[in-house]
């Protein structure tokens, strides 16, 4: 390789490194919270809701905040969050400690209600390509990512999913140690839980053991 080629290669490598490490996390999160990309498509003014730290060990990727979480400004501060904390076997203090547990939904803002009037609309598709990789590049201590609901599974388990959500959750062992797929803990899913008692009998205890091992 001649000198000019070496200089170009070195510059390219340096540029690539700068792109990956361009943000410190604090600055990046300020940028996220000032985001207006979806403003015209949201029912409320943009209010991105996520909570991560460089040392986050467990990352929760769910769907999108609901209206109550939007109003309170705290991730999973609703009945779904209560159920999720129960499944994880953690306290609210542990859940709020971003050095332990971080949250980064597929869509950062409340997307509004579903057209058919049942539940929330799908998460906005702009957040994932605009923000997720940049944030993940800053999480240097990540041990496990909880992939909650069909939108997160379609994105993060692409090509590895089973024929439906139920079978993907049932096959959780196949995705360890990096991912753990879960059904959404929404109260709207009470029928699914009633029809699938194996979830609480086998999956929840396995999940709690994974969480306990990482947090300890």
N, C-alpha and C. Protein backbone atom coordinates (compact mmCIF):
# COMPACT_ATOMS: atom_id res chain seq x y z
N UNK A 1 0.86 -1.20 0.00
CA UNK A 1 0.00 0.00 0.00
C UNK A 1 0.89 1.23 0.00
N UNK A 2 0.63 2.21 -0.94
CA UNK A 2 1.45 3.42 -0.95
C UNK A 2 0.99 4.37 0.14
N UNK A 3 1.74 5.44 0.33
CA UNK A 3 1.48 6.36 1.46
C UNK A 3 0.11 7.02 1.34
N UNK A 4 -0.23 7.42 0.08
CA UNK A 4 -1.52 8.11 -0.09
C UNK A 4 -2.68 7.17 0.23
N UNK A 5 -2.59 5.90 -0.18
CA UNK A 5 -3.63 4.93 0.13
C UNK A 5 -3.73 4.69 1.62
N UNK A 6 -2.58 4.63 2.28
CA UNK A 6 -2.57 4.43 3.73
C UNK A 6 -3.24 5.60 4.44
N UNK A 7 -2.96 6.83 3.96
CA UNK A 7 -3.57 8.00 4.61
C UNK A 7 -5.08 7.97 4.44
N UNK A 8 -5.56 7.60 3.22
CA UNK A 8 -6.99 7.53 2.99
C UNK A 8 -7.63 6.47 3.86
N UNK A 9 -6.96 5.30 3.97
CA UNK A 9 -7.47 4.22 4.81
C UNK A 9 -7.55 4.66 6.26
N UNK A 10 -6.51 5.32 6.73
CA UNK A 10 -6.48 5.79 8.12
C UNK A 10 -7.57 6.81 8.38
N UNK A 11 -7.78 7.71 7.38
CA UNK A 11 -8.81 8.73 7.55
C UNK A 11 -10.19 8.09 7.61
N UNK A 12 -10.40 7.08 6.74
CA UNK A 12 -11.69 6.39 6.71
C UNK A 12 -11.95 5.68 8.03
N UNK A 13 -10.91 4.98 8.54
CA UNK A 13 -11.05 4.27 9.81
C UNK A 13 -11.36 5.24 10.94
N UNK A 14 -10.67 6.37 10.94
CA UNK A 14 -10.91 7.38 11.98
C UNK A 14 -12.30 7.96 11.89
N UNK A 15 -12.76 8.21 10.63
CA UNK A 15 -14.11 8.74 10.45
C UNK A 15 -15.15 7.75 10.92
N UNK A 16 -14.95 6.46 10.60
CA UNK A 16 -15.89 5.43 11.03
C UNK A 16 -15.95 5.38 12.56
N UNK A 17 -14.81 5.48 13.21
CA UNK A 17 -14.77 5.46 14.68
C UNK A 17 -15.51 6.67 15.23
N UNK A 18 -15.32 7.84 14.61
CA UNK A 18 -15.98 9.05 15.08
C UNK A 18 -17.49 8.94 14.95
N UNK A 19 -17.96 8.30 13.84
CA UNK A 19 -19.40 8.14 13.66
C UNK A 19 -19.99 7.27 14.75
N UNK A 20 -19.25 6.18 15.09
CA UNK A 20 -19.75 5.27 16.11
C UNK A 20 -19.71 5.90 17.50
N UNK A 21 -18.72 6.75 17.77
CA UNK A 21 -18.51 7.28 19.11
C UNK A 21 -18.76 8.78 19.16
N UNK A 22 -19.52 9.31 18.18
CA UNK A 22 -19.65 10.75 18.07
C UNK A 22 -20.30 11.37 19.30
N UNK A 23 -21.18 10.67 19.97
CA UNK A 23 -21.92 11.25 21.08
C UNK A 23 -21.39 10.73 22.41
N UNK A 24 -21.34 11.59 23.40
CA UNK A 24 -21.40 11.01 24.72
C UNK A 24 -22.89 10.87 25.01
N UNK A 25 -23.24 9.97 25.89
CA UNK A 25 -24.64 9.62 26.06
C UNK A 25 -25.48 10.78 26.54
N UNK A 26 -24.94 11.58 27.43
CA UNK A 26 -25.69 12.71 27.96
C UNK A 26 -26.11 13.66 26.84
N UNK A 27 -25.17 13.95 25.95
CA UNK A 27 -25.47 14.84 24.83
C UNK A 27 -26.49 14.22 23.87
N UNK A 28 -26.32 12.93 23.62
CA UNK A 28 -27.23 12.23 22.73
C UNK A 28 -28.66 12.24 23.27
N UNK A 29 -28.81 12.03 24.57
CA UNK A 29 -30.15 12.02 25.16
C UNK A 29 -30.80 13.41 25.11
N UNK A 30 -29.99 14.44 25.21
CA UNK A 30 -30.54 15.80 25.04
C UNK A 30 -31.07 15.97 23.62
N UNK A 31 -30.32 15.45 22.66
CA UNK A 31 -30.75 15.51 21.27
C UNK A 31 -32.05 14.74 21.07
N UNK A 32 -32.14 13.56 21.66
CA UNK A 32 -33.35 12.75 21.56
C UNK A 32 -34.55 13.52 22.11
N UNK A 33 -34.38 14.13 23.26
CA UNK A 33 -35.51 14.78 23.93
C UNK A 33 -35.93 16.06 23.24
N UNK A 34 -35.10 16.57 22.34
CA UNK A 34 -35.47 17.74 21.55
C UNK A 34 -36.00 17.35 20.17
N UNK A 35 -36.15 16.05 19.92
CA UNK A 35 -36.55 15.56 18.61
C UNK A 35 -37.96 16.03 18.24
N UNK A 36 -38.11 16.48 17.00
CA UNK A 36 -39.42 16.90 16.49
C UNK A 36 -39.80 16.14 15.23
N UNK A 37 -39.11 15.04 14.94
CA UNK A 37 -39.30 14.33 13.68
C UNK A 37 -40.76 13.96 13.43
N UNK A 38 -41.45 13.47 14.46
CA UNK A 38 -42.82 12.96 14.29
C UNK A 38 -43.88 13.95 14.76
N UNK A 39 -43.51 15.17 15.04
CA UNK A 39 -44.43 16.11 15.69
C UNK A 39 -45.79 16.20 15.00
N UNK A 40 -45.78 16.23 13.69
CA UNK A 40 -47.04 16.39 12.95
C UNK A 40 -47.92 15.15 13.00
N UNK A 41 -47.35 14.02 13.44
CA UNK A 41 -48.10 12.76 13.44
C UNK A 41 -48.53 12.31 14.84
N UNK A 42 -48.21 13.09 15.85
CA UNK A 42 -48.48 12.70 17.23
C UNK A 42 -49.70 13.43 17.80
N UNK A 43 -50.42 12.80 18.74
CA UNK A 43 -51.58 13.46 19.34
C UNK A 43 -51.19 14.52 20.37
N UNK A 44 -49.97 14.42 20.90
CA UNK A 44 -49.46 15.37 21.89
C UNK A 44 -48.16 15.98 21.36
N UNK A 45 -47.70 17.08 21.92
CA UNK A 45 -46.36 17.55 21.57
C UNK A 45 -45.33 16.46 21.88
N UNK A 46 -44.28 16.34 21.07
CA UNK A 46 -43.29 15.27 21.29
C UNK A 46 -42.73 15.29 22.71
N UNK A 47 -42.66 14.11 23.30
CA UNK A 47 -42.12 13.95 24.65
C UNK A 47 -41.46 12.58 24.72
N UNK A 48 -40.27 12.44 24.12
CA UNK A 48 -39.59 11.14 24.10
C UNK A 48 -39.33 10.64 25.52
N UNK A 49 -39.69 9.39 25.76
CA UNK A 49 -39.55 8.81 27.10
C UNK A 49 -38.70 7.55 27.01
N UNK A 50 -37.51 7.65 27.56
CA UNK A 50 -36.57 6.54 27.65
C UNK A 50 -35.63 6.84 28.81
N UNK A 51 -34.91 5.82 29.26
CA UNK A 51 -33.99 6.01 30.39
C UNK A 51 -32.87 4.98 30.27
N UNK A 52 -31.67 5.47 29.98
CA UNK A 52 -30.51 4.59 29.85
C UNK A 52 -29.28 5.27 30.43
N UNK A 53 -28.27 4.45 30.72
CA UNK A 53 -26.98 4.97 31.19
C UNK A 53 -25.89 4.14 30.52
N UNK A 54 -24.67 4.66 30.50
CA UNK A 54 -23.58 3.92 29.88
C UNK A 54 -23.41 2.54 30.53
N UNK A 55 -23.70 2.43 31.82
CA UNK A 55 -23.50 1.18 32.54
C UNK A 55 -24.73 0.29 32.58
N UNK A 56 -25.80 0.66 31.89
CA UNK A 56 -27.02 -0.16 31.88
C UNK A 56 -26.68 -1.63 31.59
N UNK A 57 -27.16 -2.51 32.45
CA UNK A 57 -26.88 -3.94 32.27
C UNK A 57 -28.00 -4.66 31.54
N UNK A 58 -29.24 -4.26 31.82
CA UNK A 58 -30.42 -4.90 31.21
C UNK A 58 -31.20 -3.81 30.48
N UNK A 59 -31.47 -4.04 29.20
CA UNK A 59 -32.21 -3.05 28.42
C UNK A 59 -33.58 -3.61 28.06
N UNK A 60 -34.60 -2.79 28.26
CA UNK A 60 -35.98 -3.18 27.93
C UNK A 60 -36.40 -2.44 26.66
N UNK A 61 -36.69 -3.21 25.61
CA UNK A 61 -37.19 -2.63 24.38
C UNK A 61 -38.65 -3.06 24.22
N UNK A 62 -39.56 -2.13 24.49
CA UNK A 62 -40.97 -2.41 24.39
C UNK A 62 -41.57 -1.75 23.17
N UNK A 63 -42.82 -1.38 23.28
CA UNK A 63 -43.55 -0.82 22.14
C UNK A 63 -43.41 0.70 22.11
N UNK A 64 -44.19 1.40 22.88
CA UNK A 64 -44.15 2.85 22.98
C UNK A 64 -44.88 3.24 24.25
N UNK A 65 -44.57 4.39 24.84
CA UNK A 65 -45.29 4.79 26.05
C UNK A 65 -46.77 5.02 25.76
N UNK A 66 -47.60 4.70 26.76
CA UNK A 66 -49.02 5.01 26.67
C UNK A 66 -49.29 6.43 27.14
N UNK A 67 -50.55 6.81 27.13
CA UNK A 67 -50.90 8.17 27.53
C UNK A 67 -50.54 8.44 28.98
N UNK A 68 -50.76 7.47 29.89
CA UNK A 68 -50.42 7.69 31.30
C UNK A 68 -48.92 7.91 31.48
N UNK A 69 -48.12 7.11 30.79
CA UNK A 69 -46.67 7.27 30.89
C UNK A 69 -46.25 8.60 30.29
N UNK A 70 -46.89 8.99 29.19
CA UNK A 70 -46.61 10.31 28.61
C UNK A 70 -46.88 11.41 29.62
N UNK A 71 -48.03 11.32 30.29
CA UNK A 71 -48.40 12.36 31.26
C UNK A 71 -47.44 12.41 32.44
N UNK A 72 -46.97 11.23 32.89
CA UNK A 72 -46.10 11.17 34.07
C UNK A 72 -44.63 11.35 33.72
N UNK A 73 -44.27 11.06 32.49
CA UNK A 73 -42.89 11.27 32.06
C UNK A 73 -41.91 10.25 32.58
N UNK A 74 -42.40 9.12 33.08
CA UNK A 74 -41.54 8.09 33.66
C UNK A 74 -41.80 6.78 32.93
N UNK A 75 -40.77 6.11 32.41
CA UNK A 75 -40.99 4.87 31.68
C UNK A 75 -41.71 3.81 32.51
N UNK A 76 -42.70 3.15 31.92
CA UNK A 76 -43.41 2.02 32.52
C UNK A 76 -44.07 2.40 33.86
N UNK A 77 -44.47 3.65 33.99
CA UNK A 77 -45.13 4.08 35.23
C UNK A 77 -46.64 3.92 35.07
N UNK A 78 -47.07 2.67 34.96
CA UNK A 78 -48.48 2.35 34.76
C UNK A 78 -48.70 0.89 35.16
N UNK A 79 -49.88 0.36 34.92
CA UNK A 79 -50.18 -1.02 35.32
C UNK A 79 -49.31 -2.03 34.56
N UNK A 80 -49.00 -1.73 33.30
CA UNK A 80 -48.10 -2.60 32.55
C UNK A 80 -46.74 -2.67 33.23
N UNK A 81 -46.27 -1.54 33.70
CA UNK A 81 -44.99 -1.49 34.40
C UNK A 81 -45.02 -2.27 35.70
N UNK A 82 -46.13 -2.19 36.42
CA UNK A 82 -46.25 -2.97 37.66
C UNK A 82 -46.13 -4.46 37.38
N UNK A 83 -46.81 -4.91 36.32
CA UNK A 83 -46.74 -6.33 35.95
C UNK A 83 -45.34 -6.70 35.50
N UNK A 84 -44.70 -5.84 34.71
CA UNK A 84 -43.35 -6.13 34.23
C UNK A 84 -42.37 -6.25 35.39
N UNK A 85 -42.46 -5.35 36.36
CA UNK A 85 -41.55 -5.42 37.52
C UNK A 85 -41.79 -6.70 38.31
N UNK A 86 -43.05 -7.13 38.37
CA UNK A 86 -43.35 -8.40 39.04
C UNK A 86 -42.69 -9.55 38.29
N UNK A 87 -42.82 -9.56 36.96
CA UNK A 87 -42.18 -10.61 36.17
C UNK A 87 -40.67 -10.63 36.36
N UNK A 88 -40.07 -9.45 36.43
CA UNK A 88 -38.61 -9.36 36.56
C UNK A 88 -38.14 -9.71 37.97
N UNK A 89 -39.03 -9.54 38.95
CA UNK A 89 -38.65 -9.76 40.33
C UNK A 89 -37.78 -8.65 40.88
N UNK A 90 -38.07 -7.40 40.47
CA UNK A 90 -37.28 -6.26 40.92
C UNK A 90 -38.18 -5.24 41.61
N UNK A 91 -37.58 -4.40 42.43
CA UNK A 91 -38.30 -3.33 43.10
C UNK A 91 -38.37 -2.11 42.17
N UNK A 92 -39.21 -1.14 42.53
CA UNK A 92 -39.28 0.09 41.75
C UNK A 92 -37.97 0.84 41.78
N UNK A 93 -37.27 0.79 42.92
CA UNK A 93 -35.97 1.46 43.01
C UNK A 93 -34.95 0.81 42.08
N UNK A 94 -34.93 -0.50 42.03
CA UNK A 94 -34.02 -1.19 41.11
C UNK A 94 -34.38 -0.85 39.66
N UNK A 95 -35.66 -0.85 39.37
CA UNK A 95 -36.13 -0.58 38.01
C UNK A 95 -35.74 0.83 37.58
N UNK A 96 -35.75 1.76 38.51
CA UNK A 96 -35.46 3.16 38.19
C UNK A 96 -33.96 3.45 38.13
N UNK A 97 -33.14 2.51 38.57
CA UNK A 97 -31.69 2.69 38.56
C UNK A 97 -31.15 2.33 37.18
N UNK A 98 -30.84 3.33 36.38
CA UNK A 98 -30.44 3.07 35.00
C UNK A 98 -29.08 2.39 34.88
N UNK A 99 -28.29 2.37 35.93
CA UNK A 99 -27.07 1.56 35.89
C UNK A 99 -27.41 0.07 35.89
N UNK A 100 -28.61 -0.25 36.35
CA UNK A 100 -29.07 -1.65 36.37
C UNK A 100 -29.97 -1.94 35.17
N UNK A 101 -31.02 -1.14 35.02
CA UNK A 101 -32.05 -1.41 34.02
C UNK A 101 -32.33 -0.15 33.22
N UNK A 102 -32.28 -0.27 31.90
CA UNK A 102 -32.59 0.84 31.02
C UNK A 102 -33.81 0.52 30.17
N UNK A 103 -34.47 1.56 29.66
CA UNK A 103 -35.64 1.37 28.81
C UNK A 103 -35.49 2.19 27.54
N UNK A 104 -35.73 1.56 26.40
CA UNK A 104 -35.65 2.23 25.11
C UNK A 104 -36.73 1.61 24.20
N UNK A 105 -37.92 2.21 24.14
CA UNK A 105 -38.99 1.61 23.35
C UNK A 105 -38.75 1.74 21.85
N UNK A 106 -39.53 1.00 21.07
CA UNK A 106 -39.43 1.11 19.62
C UNK A 106 -39.81 2.51 19.16
N UNK A 107 -40.83 3.07 19.79
CA UNK A 107 -41.21 4.46 19.54
C UNK A 107 -41.12 5.22 20.84
N UNK A 108 -40.46 6.36 20.84
CA UNK A 108 -40.18 7.07 22.10
C UNK A 108 -41.37 7.90 22.61
N UNK A 109 -42.31 8.24 21.73
CA UNK A 109 -43.44 9.08 22.12
C UNK A 109 -44.75 8.31 22.02
N UNK A 110 -45.74 8.72 22.80
CA UNK A 110 -47.07 8.12 22.72
C UNK A 110 -47.62 8.35 21.31
N UNK A 111 -47.97 7.27 20.59
CA UNK A 111 -48.39 7.42 19.19
C UNK A 111 -49.87 7.70 18.99
N UNK A 112 -50.65 7.69 20.07
CA UNK A 112 -52.09 7.87 19.95
C UNK A 112 -52.81 6.54 20.04
N UNK A 113 -54.12 6.59 19.96
CA UNK A 113 -54.93 5.39 20.07
C UNK A 113 -55.10 4.72 18.70
N UNK A 114 -55.32 3.43 18.75
CA UNK A 114 -55.52 2.66 17.53
C UNK A 114 -56.80 3.10 16.84
N UNK A 115 -56.78 3.09 15.52
CA UNK A 115 -57.96 3.53 14.75
C UNK A 115 -59.21 2.77 15.14
N UNK A 116 -59.05 1.48 15.43
CA UNK A 116 -60.21 0.64 15.74
C UNK A 116 -60.66 0.81 17.19
N UNK A 117 -59.97 1.66 17.95
CA UNK A 117 -60.39 1.96 19.30
C UNK A 117 -59.97 0.97 20.35
N UNK A 118 -59.11 0.01 20.01
CA UNK A 118 -58.65 -0.99 20.98
C UNK A 118 -57.15 -0.86 21.17
N UNK A 119 -56.73 -0.30 22.30
CA UNK A 119 -55.31 -0.15 22.58
C UNK A 119 -54.69 1.02 21.84
N UNK A 120 -53.36 1.09 21.92
CA UNK A 120 -52.61 2.20 21.31
C UNK A 120 -52.24 1.87 19.87
N UNK A 121 -51.97 2.93 19.12
CA UNK A 121 -51.50 2.77 17.74
C UNK A 121 -50.09 2.17 17.75
N UNK A 122 -49.64 1.65 16.61
CA UNK A 122 -48.27 1.13 16.55
C UNK A 122 -47.26 2.22 16.85
N UNK A 123 -46.08 1.86 17.34
CA UNK A 123 -45.05 2.87 17.58
C UNK A 123 -44.64 3.53 16.28
N UNK A 124 -44.27 4.79 16.35
CA UNK A 124 -43.79 5.49 15.16
C UNK A 124 -42.55 4.78 14.62
N UNK A 125 -42.45 4.59 13.30
CA UNK A 125 -41.33 3.85 12.74
C UNK A 125 -40.04 4.65 12.62
N UNK A 126 -40.10 5.95 12.87
CA UNK A 126 -38.92 6.78 12.67
C UNK A 126 -37.86 6.61 13.76
N UNK A 127 -38.27 6.24 14.97
CA UNK A 127 -37.33 6.22 16.10
C UNK A 127 -36.22 5.19 15.93
N UNK A 128 -36.57 4.00 15.55
CA UNK A 128 -35.57 2.92 15.48
C UNK A 128 -34.38 3.29 14.58
N UNK A 129 -34.60 3.64 13.30
CA UNK A 129 -33.44 3.96 12.46
C UNK A 129 -32.72 5.24 12.86
N UNK A 130 -33.44 6.17 13.46
CA UNK A 130 -32.82 7.46 13.79
C UNK A 130 -31.99 7.39 15.07
N UNK A 131 -32.41 6.57 16.04
CA UNK A 131 -31.81 6.65 17.36
C UNK A 131 -31.23 5.36 17.93
N UNK A 132 -31.82 4.22 17.66
CA UNK A 132 -31.47 3.01 18.41
C UNK A 132 -29.98 2.66 18.32
N UNK A 133 -29.44 2.61 17.12
CA UNK A 133 -28.04 2.19 17.00
C UNK A 133 -27.11 3.17 17.71
N UNK A 134 -27.39 4.45 17.59
CA UNK A 134 -26.55 5.45 18.25
C UNK A 134 -26.56 5.27 19.76
N UNK A 135 -27.74 4.97 20.30
CA UNK A 135 -27.83 4.76 21.75
C UNK A 135 -27.14 3.46 22.15
N UNK A 136 -27.40 2.39 21.41
CA UNK A 136 -26.79 1.10 21.73
C UNK A 136 -25.27 1.17 21.70
N UNK A 137 -24.72 1.99 20.82
CA UNK A 137 -23.25 2.14 20.77
C UNK A 137 -22.67 2.69 22.06
N UNK A 138 -23.51 3.35 22.87
CA UNK A 138 -23.04 3.97 24.11
C UNK A 138 -23.21 3.06 25.34
N UNK A 139 -23.93 1.96 25.18
CA UNK A 139 -24.21 1.08 26.33
C UNK A 139 -23.12 0.02 26.40
N UNK A 140 -22.08 0.31 27.13
CA UNK A 140 -20.86 -0.51 27.10
C UNK A 140 -20.90 -1.70 28.05
N UNK A 141 -21.94 -1.80 28.87
CA UNK A 141 -21.99 -2.88 29.87
C UNK A 141 -23.24 -3.74 29.72
N UNK A 142 -23.84 -3.72 28.54
CA UNK A 142 -25.12 -4.39 28.33
C UNK A 142 -24.96 -5.91 28.34
N UNK A 143 -25.78 -6.59 29.16
CA UNK A 143 -25.73 -8.04 29.31
C UNK A 143 -26.93 -8.74 28.68
N UNK A 144 -28.11 -8.10 28.74
CA UNK A 144 -29.33 -8.76 28.28
C UNK A 144 -30.33 -7.71 27.80
N UNK A 145 -31.00 -8.01 26.69
CA UNK A 145 -32.04 -7.13 26.16
C UNK A 145 -33.37 -7.87 26.18
N UNK A 146 -34.35 -7.30 26.86
CA UNK A 146 -35.70 -7.86 26.89
C UNK A 146 -36.46 -7.29 25.69
N UNK A 147 -36.96 -8.17 24.85
CA UNK A 147 -37.64 -7.78 23.62
C UNK A 147 -39.13 -8.04 23.83
N UNK A 148 -39.89 -6.97 24.02
CA UNK A 148 -41.27 -7.09 24.48
C UNK A 148 -42.26 -6.73 23.38
N UNK A 149 -43.08 -7.70 22.99
CA UNK A 149 -44.13 -7.46 22.02
C UNK A 149 -43.69 -7.65 20.58
N UNK A 150 -44.65 -7.69 19.67
CA UNK A 150 -44.39 -8.06 18.29
C UNK A 150 -43.51 -7.07 17.55
N UNK A 151 -43.64 -5.77 17.84
CA UNK A 151 -42.85 -4.79 17.09
C UNK A 151 -41.37 -4.90 17.42
N UNK A 152 -41.06 -5.08 18.69
CA UNK A 152 -39.66 -5.26 19.09
C UNK A 152 -39.11 -6.58 18.55
N UNK A 153 -39.93 -7.63 18.61
CA UNK A 153 -39.48 -8.93 18.10
C UNK A 153 -39.19 -8.88 16.60
N UNK A 154 -40.09 -8.24 15.84
CA UNK A 154 -39.90 -8.15 14.40
C UNK A 154 -38.63 -7.40 14.05
N UNK A 155 -38.25 -6.45 14.89
CA UNK A 155 -37.06 -5.66 14.62
C UNK A 155 -35.78 -6.34 15.10
N UNK A 156 -35.81 -6.85 16.33
CA UNK A 156 -34.57 -7.35 16.95
C UNK A 156 -34.37 -8.85 16.82
N UNK A 157 -35.41 -9.57 16.49
CA UNK A 157 -35.26 -11.02 16.28
C UNK A 157 -35.55 -11.37 14.83
N UNK A 158 -35.40 -10.42 13.94
CA UNK A 158 -35.75 -10.61 12.53
C UNK A 158 -35.07 -11.85 11.96
N UNK A 159 -35.88 -12.71 11.36
CA UNK A 159 -35.35 -13.92 10.76
C UNK A 159 -35.21 -15.08 11.73
N UNK A 160 -35.37 -14.82 13.02
CA UNK A 160 -35.22 -15.86 14.03
C UNK A 160 -36.52 -16.13 14.78
N UNK A 161 -37.57 -15.39 14.44
CA UNK A 161 -38.83 -15.57 15.12
C UNK A 161 -39.48 -16.90 14.74
N UNK A 162 -40.34 -17.36 15.62
CA UNK A 162 -41.14 -18.55 15.33
C UNK A 162 -42.39 -18.11 14.56
N UNK A 163 -43.34 -19.01 14.38
CA UNK A 163 -44.49 -18.72 13.53
C UNK A 163 -45.40 -17.63 14.11
N UNK A 164 -45.33 -17.42 15.41
CA UNK A 164 -46.12 -16.35 16.03
C UNK A 164 -45.46 -15.93 17.34
N UNK A 165 -46.03 -14.91 17.97
CA UNK A 165 -45.46 -14.37 19.21
C UNK A 165 -45.42 -15.42 20.31
N UNK A 166 -46.49 -16.19 20.44
CA UNK A 166 -46.56 -17.20 21.50
C UNK A 166 -45.41 -18.19 21.39
N UNK A 167 -45.15 -18.68 20.20
CA UNK A 167 -44.09 -19.67 20.03
C UNK A 167 -42.71 -19.05 20.18
N UNK A 168 -42.58 -17.77 19.85
CA UNK A 168 -41.31 -17.09 20.06
C UNK A 168 -41.01 -16.97 21.55
N UNK A 169 -42.03 -16.60 22.34
CA UNK A 169 -41.84 -16.50 23.79
C UNK A 169 -41.55 -17.88 24.38
N UNK A 170 -42.24 -18.88 23.89
CA UNK A 170 -42.04 -20.24 24.40
C UNK A 170 -40.60 -20.72 24.15
N UNK A 171 -40.01 -20.25 23.06
CA UNK A 171 -38.65 -20.66 22.68
C UNK A 171 -37.58 -19.70 23.21
N UNK A 172 -37.86 -19.04 24.32
CA UNK A 172 -36.96 -18.00 24.82
C UNK A 172 -35.52 -18.46 24.97
N UNK A 173 -35.30 -19.73 25.30
CA UNK A 173 -33.94 -20.23 25.53
C UNK A 173 -33.06 -20.10 24.28
N UNK A 174 -33.69 -20.13 23.12
CA UNK A 174 -32.94 -20.07 21.87
C UNK A 174 -32.31 -18.69 21.65
N UNK A 175 -32.82 -17.68 22.35
CA UNK A 175 -32.35 -16.31 22.12
C UNK A 175 -31.36 -15.84 23.17
N UNK A 176 -31.21 -16.62 24.22
CA UNK A 176 -30.24 -16.29 25.25
C UNK A 176 -28.83 -16.56 24.72
N UNK A 177 -27.80 -15.87 25.24
CA UNK A 177 -27.82 -14.98 26.40
C UNK A 177 -28.08 -13.51 26.07
N UNK A 178 -28.28 -13.17 24.80
CA UNK A 178 -28.37 -11.76 24.43
C UNK A 178 -29.79 -11.20 24.52
N UNK A 179 -30.79 -12.01 24.15
CA UNK A 179 -32.16 -11.53 24.11
C UNK A 179 -33.09 -12.44 24.90
N UNK A 180 -34.17 -11.83 25.41
CA UNK A 180 -35.22 -12.60 26.09
C UNK A 180 -36.55 -12.05 25.61
N UNK A 181 -37.28 -12.79 24.74
CA UNK A 181 -38.56 -12.30 24.23
C UNK A 181 -39.69 -12.47 25.24
N UNK A 182 -40.55 -11.47 25.31
CA UNK A 182 -41.67 -11.49 26.25
C UNK A 182 -42.93 -10.95 25.59
N UNK A 183 -44.06 -11.46 26.01
CA UNK A 183 -45.34 -10.86 25.64
C UNK A 183 -45.45 -9.53 26.37
N UNK A 184 -46.23 -8.61 25.82
CA UNK A 184 -46.39 -7.32 26.49
C UNK A 184 -47.19 -7.51 27.79
N UNK A 185 -46.77 -6.86 28.88
CA UNK A 185 -47.46 -7.03 30.17
C UNK A 185 -48.73 -6.19 30.30
N UNK A 186 -49.26 -5.69 29.21
CA UNK A 186 -50.47 -4.87 29.25
C UNK A 186 -51.64 -5.64 29.85
N UNK A 187 -52.52 -4.96 30.60
CA UNK A 187 -53.75 -5.60 31.09
C UNK A 187 -54.62 -6.14 29.95
N UNK A 188 -54.42 -5.62 28.74
CA UNK A 188 -55.19 -6.10 27.60
C UNK A 188 -54.81 -7.52 27.21
N UNK A 189 -53.67 -7.99 27.71
CA UNK A 189 -53.21 -9.34 27.38
C UNK A 189 -53.61 -10.38 28.42
N UNK A 190 -54.60 -10.07 29.26
CA UNK A 190 -54.97 -11.02 30.32
C UNK A 190 -55.49 -12.33 29.74
N UNK A 191 -56.16 -12.27 28.59
CA UNK A 191 -56.67 -13.52 27.98
C UNK A 191 -55.50 -14.40 27.52
N UNK A 192 -54.48 -13.78 26.93
CA UNK A 192 -53.32 -14.55 26.48
C UNK A 192 -52.69 -15.26 27.67
N UNK A 193 -52.52 -14.54 28.78
CA UNK A 193 -51.90 -15.16 29.96
C UNK A 193 -52.77 -16.30 30.51
N UNK A 194 -54.09 -16.11 30.48
CA UNK A 194 -54.98 -17.17 30.97
C UNK A 194 -54.91 -18.40 30.07
N UNK A 195 -54.73 -18.19 28.78
CA UNK A 195 -54.67 -19.30 27.83
C UNK A 195 -53.30 -19.97 27.78
N UNK A 196 -52.30 -19.32 28.36
CA UNK A 196 -50.93 -19.84 28.31
C UNK A 196 -50.32 -19.87 29.71
N UNK A 197 -50.83 -20.73 30.59
CA UNK A 197 -50.33 -20.76 31.97
C UNK A 197 -48.86 -21.14 32.08
N UNK A 198 -48.31 -21.79 31.06
CA UNK A 198 -46.89 -22.15 31.07
C UNK A 198 -46.00 -20.92 31.17
N UNK A 199 -46.51 -19.76 30.74
CA UNK A 199 -45.70 -18.55 30.77
C UNK A 199 -45.29 -18.21 32.20
N UNK A 200 -46.27 -18.17 33.10
CA UNK A 200 -45.95 -17.85 34.50
C UNK A 200 -45.29 -19.03 35.21
N UNK A 201 -45.58 -20.22 34.76
CA UNK A 201 -45.03 -21.40 35.43
C UNK A 201 -43.56 -21.64 35.08
N UNK A 202 -43.16 -21.33 33.85
CA UNK A 202 -41.79 -21.66 33.42
C UNK A 202 -40.98 -20.46 32.95
N UNK A 203 -41.62 -19.58 32.18
CA UNK A 203 -40.85 -18.46 31.60
C UNK A 203 -40.53 -17.41 32.65
N UNK A 204 -41.51 -17.01 33.46
CA UNK A 204 -41.26 -15.96 34.46
C UNK A 204 -40.18 -16.37 35.46
N UNK A 205 -40.21 -17.60 36.02
CA UNK A 205 -39.11 -17.98 36.92
C UNK A 205 -37.75 -17.98 36.23
N UNK A 206 -37.71 -18.41 34.97
CA UNK A 206 -36.43 -18.39 34.24
C UNK A 206 -35.97 -16.95 34.02
N UNK A 207 -36.89 -16.06 33.71
CA UNK A 207 -36.57 -14.65 33.54
C UNK A 207 -36.01 -14.07 34.83
N UNK A 208 -36.67 -14.34 35.95
CA UNK A 208 -36.22 -13.81 37.23
C UNK A 208 -34.83 -14.31 37.58
N UNK A 209 -34.52 -15.55 37.23
CA UNK A 209 -33.19 -16.08 37.51
C UNK A 209 -32.14 -15.37 36.66
N UNK A 210 -32.45 -15.11 35.40
CA UNK A 210 -31.53 -14.37 34.53
C UNK A 210 -31.27 -12.98 35.09
N UNK A 211 -32.35 -12.29 35.49
CA UNK A 211 -32.23 -10.93 36.03
C UNK A 211 -31.41 -10.94 37.32
N UNK A 212 -31.71 -11.86 38.19
CA UNK A 212 -31.00 -11.95 39.48
C UNK A 212 -29.51 -12.17 39.26
N UNK A 213 -29.17 -13.05 38.35
CA UNK A 213 -27.75 -13.34 38.08
C UNK A 213 -27.04 -12.10 37.56
N UNK A 214 -27.66 -11.36 36.67
CA UNK A 214 -27.03 -10.17 36.11
C UNK A 214 -26.91 -9.07 37.15
N UNK A 215 -27.96 -8.84 37.94
CA UNK A 215 -27.94 -7.75 38.90
C UNK A 215 -27.01 -8.02 40.08
N UNK A 216 -26.80 -9.31 40.37
CA UNK A 216 -25.91 -9.62 41.50
C UNK A 216 -24.45 -9.66 41.06
